[in-house]
N, C-alpha and C. Protein backbone atom coordinates (compact mmCIF):
# COMPACT_ATOMS: atom_id res chain seq x y z
N MET A 1 30.05 52.79 55.48
CA MET A 1 31.03 52.48 54.33
C MET A 1 31.78 53.57 54.06
N ALA A 2 32.82 52.96 53.61
CA ALA A 2 34.48 53.75 53.35
C ALA A 2 34.26 54.46 52.24
N HIS A 3 34.94 55.93 52.47
CA HIS A 3 34.73 57.11 51.35
C HIS A 3 36.10 57.54 51.35
N PRO A 4 36.71 57.71 49.81
CA PRO A 4 37.75 58.44 49.99
C PRO A 4 37.90 59.73 50.99
N LYS A 5 39.05 60.35 51.35
CA LYS A 5 39.46 61.36 52.05
C LYS A 5 39.83 62.40 50.92
N ARG A 6 40.22 62.10 49.77
CA ARG A 6 40.54 62.99 49.29
C ARG A 6 40.27 62.63 47.76
N LYS A 7 40.04 63.55 46.67
CA LYS A 7 39.58 63.14 45.39
C LYS A 7 40.70 62.98 44.64
N VAL A 8 40.36 61.45 43.68
CA VAL A 8 41.67 61.18 43.01
C VAL A 8 41.03 61.75 41.65
N SER A 9 42.32 62.43 41.06
CA SER A 9 42.49 63.30 39.94
C SER A 9 42.44 62.14 38.71
N LYS A 10 42.07 62.40 37.42
CA LYS A 10 41.79 61.83 36.29
C LYS A 10 43.38 61.22 35.89
N GLN A 11 44.20 61.88 35.68
CA GLN A 11 45.32 61.74 35.55
C GLN A 11 45.80 60.43 36.69
N ARG A 12 46.08 60.49 37.74
CA ARG A 12 46.20 59.19 38.79
C ARG A 12 45.34 57.90 38.51
N ARG A 13 43.86 58.54 38.26
CA ARG A 13 43.25 57.15 37.74
C ARG A 13 43.40 56.33 36.55
N ASP A 14 43.79 57.13 36.07
CA ASP A 14 44.08 56.83 34.31
C ASP A 14 45.79 56.12 34.35
N LYS A 15 46.26 56.53 34.92
CA LYS A 15 47.57 55.94 34.91
C LYS A 15 47.65 54.37 35.65
N ARG A 16 46.64 54.25 36.82
CA ARG A 16 46.04 52.93 37.48
C ARG A 16 45.61 52.02 36.47
N ARG A 17 45.17 52.58 35.68
CA ARG A 17 44.15 51.82 34.55
C ARG A 17 45.00 51.49 33.05
N THR A 18 46.14 51.73 33.17
CA THR A 18 46.82 51.62 31.67
C THR A 18 47.24 50.28 31.16
N HIS A 19 47.17 49.23 32.60
CA HIS A 19 47.49 47.97 32.24
C HIS A 19 46.09 47.00 31.73
N TYR A 20 44.88 47.96 31.82
CA TYR A 20 43.45 47.14 31.75
C TYR A 20 43.44 47.49 29.94
N LYS A 21 43.49 46.62 29.06
CA LYS A 21 43.18 46.37 27.84
C LYS A 21 42.94 44.86 27.33
N ALA A 22 41.93 45.15 26.46
CA ALA A 22 41.17 44.09 25.62
C ALA A 22 42.52 43.16 24.89
N VAL A 23 42.40 41.93 24.98
CA VAL A 23 43.40 40.98 24.29
C VAL A 23 42.66 40.22 23.41
N ALA A 24 43.13 40.03 22.32
CA ALA A 24 42.09 38.88 21.07
C ALA A 24 42.75 37.55 21.54
N PRO A 25 41.42 36.54 21.92
CA PRO A 25 41.63 35.43 22.40
C PRO A 25 42.29 34.51 21.41
N SER A 26 43.41 33.80 22.39
CA SER A 26 44.02 32.84 21.31
C SER A 26 42.85 31.58 20.65
N LEU A 27 43.36 31.28 19.53
CA LEU A 27 42.41 30.18 18.75
C LEU A 27 43.50 29.12 18.30
N ALA A 28 43.03 28.14 18.21
CA ALA A 28 43.39 26.76 17.74
C ALA A 28 42.75 26.37 16.50
N THR A 29 43.46 25.51 15.72
CA THR A 29 42.77 24.84 14.62
C THR A 29 42.92 23.62 14.76
N CYS A 30 41.69 22.56 14.27
CA CYS A 30 41.85 21.15 14.56
C CYS A 30 42.48 20.53 13.53
N GLN A 31 43.16 19.71 13.67
CA GLN A 31 43.86 18.65 12.59
C GLN A 31 42.99 18.00 12.05
N THR A 32 42.04 17.78 13.02
CA THR A 32 40.89 16.23 11.97
C THR A 32 40.03 16.91 11.43
N THR A 33 39.12 17.99 12.04
CA THR A 33 38.10 18.73 11.36
C THR A 33 38.25 19.94 10.41
N GLY A 34 39.50 20.88 10.95
CA GLY A 34 39.90 21.82 10.56
C GLY A 34 39.15 23.19 11.09
N ALA A 35 38.17 22.72 12.31
CA ALA A 35 37.27 23.85 12.89
C ALA A 35 38.60 24.77 13.60
N ILE A 36 37.94 25.69 13.87
CA ILE A 36 38.65 27.17 14.75
C ILE A 36 38.32 27.17 16.03
N HIS A 37 38.87 26.76 16.90
CA HIS A 37 38.15 26.71 18.39
C HIS A 37 39.23 27.34 19.52
N ALA A 38 38.65 27.41 20.99
CA ALA A 38 39.58 28.24 21.82
C ALA A 38 40.24 26.66 22.43
N PRO A 39 41.59 26.94 22.74
CA PRO A 39 42.37 25.70 22.43
C PRO A 39 42.17 25.40 24.19
N HIS A 40 42.51 24.08 24.65
CA HIS A 40 41.86 23.24 25.78
C HIS A 40 40.57 23.04 25.79
N THR A 41 39.63 23.54 25.20
CA THR A 41 37.94 23.62 25.34
C THR A 41 37.54 22.19 24.37
N ALA A 42 36.37 21.92 24.55
CA ALA A 42 35.85 20.85 23.62
C ALA A 42 34.71 22.01 22.68
N TYR A 43 34.71 21.57 21.18
CA TYR A 43 34.04 22.05 20.45
C TYR A 43 33.31 21.63 19.43
N ASN A 44 32.17 21.86 19.30
CA ASN A 44 30.97 21.54 18.34
C ASN A 44 31.33 21.63 16.60
N VAL A 45 31.36 20.50 15.97
CA VAL A 45 31.18 20.67 14.67
C VAL A 45 30.00 19.49 13.91
N ASP A 46 29.42 20.43 13.30
CA ASP A 46 28.02 19.47 13.17
C ASP A 46 27.53 18.73 13.60
N GLY A 47 27.21 19.37 15.37
CA GLY A 47 26.63 18.70 15.92
C GLY A 47 27.44 17.50 16.77
N ASN A 48 28.64 17.24 16.52
CA ASN A 48 29.04 16.58 17.22
C ASN A 48 30.15 17.07 17.99
N LEU A 49 30.46 16.47 19.16
CA LEU A 49 31.19 17.27 20.44
C LEU A 49 32.54 16.58 20.00
N TYR A 50 33.60 17.54 19.83
CA TYR A 50 35.06 17.19 19.76
C TYR A 50 36.25 17.89 20.82
N TYR A 51 37.16 17.02 21.41
CA TYR A 51 37.80 17.64 21.93
C TYR A 51 39.59 16.83 21.47
N ASN A 52 40.31 17.64 21.41
CA ASN A 52 41.64 17.00 21.38
C ASN A 52 41.62 16.44 19.92
N GLY A 53 40.81 16.67 19.17
CA GLY A 53 40.64 15.78 17.73
C GLY A 53 39.97 14.39 17.53
N LYS A 54 39.30 14.20 18.86
CA LYS A 54 38.84 13.02 19.22
C LYS A 54 37.22 13.55 19.30
N LEU A 55 36.31 12.31 18.61
CA LEU A 55 34.73 12.56 18.69
C LEU A 55 34.89 12.01 20.31
N LEU A 56 34.33 13.32 21.20
CA LEU A 56 33.47 12.56 22.57
C LEU A 56 32.21 12.27 22.26
N ILE A 57 31.11 13.14 21.76
CA ILE A 57 30.04 12.72 21.81
C ILE A 57 29.56 13.12 20.64
N GLU A 58 28.68 12.02 20.01
CA GLU A 58 28.02 12.06 18.47
C GLU A 58 26.59 12.66 19.01
N ASN A 59 26.48 13.69 17.81
CA ASN A 59 25.33 14.14 17.67
C ASN A 59 24.75 14.90 18.97
N THR A 60 25.54 15.82 19.22
CA THR A 60 24.90 16.62 20.71
C THR A 60 23.95 17.68 20.08
N SER A 61 22.82 18.22 20.85
CA SER A 61 21.72 19.14 20.37
C SER A 61 21.84 20.26 21.30
N LEU A 62 22.53 21.43 21.50
CA LEU A 62 22.46 22.35 22.34
C LEU A 62 21.06 23.13 22.45
N GLY A 63 19.95 22.82 22.11
CA GLY A 63 18.89 23.73 22.17
C GLY A 63 18.05 23.87 21.07
């Protein structure tokens, strides 16, 4: 297995990790149902599956 030849300092390691940060997920609001959901994904409202404001599957049960 490969091993580092020299120890990487905390400062150097932390400089490399400066761009790793959490981002808040983008959300969209449905014009038809008013539900908040992730954009470009299907979502459940009262057991019905919607996508792009249109009813895809009626009365879905997720378990």
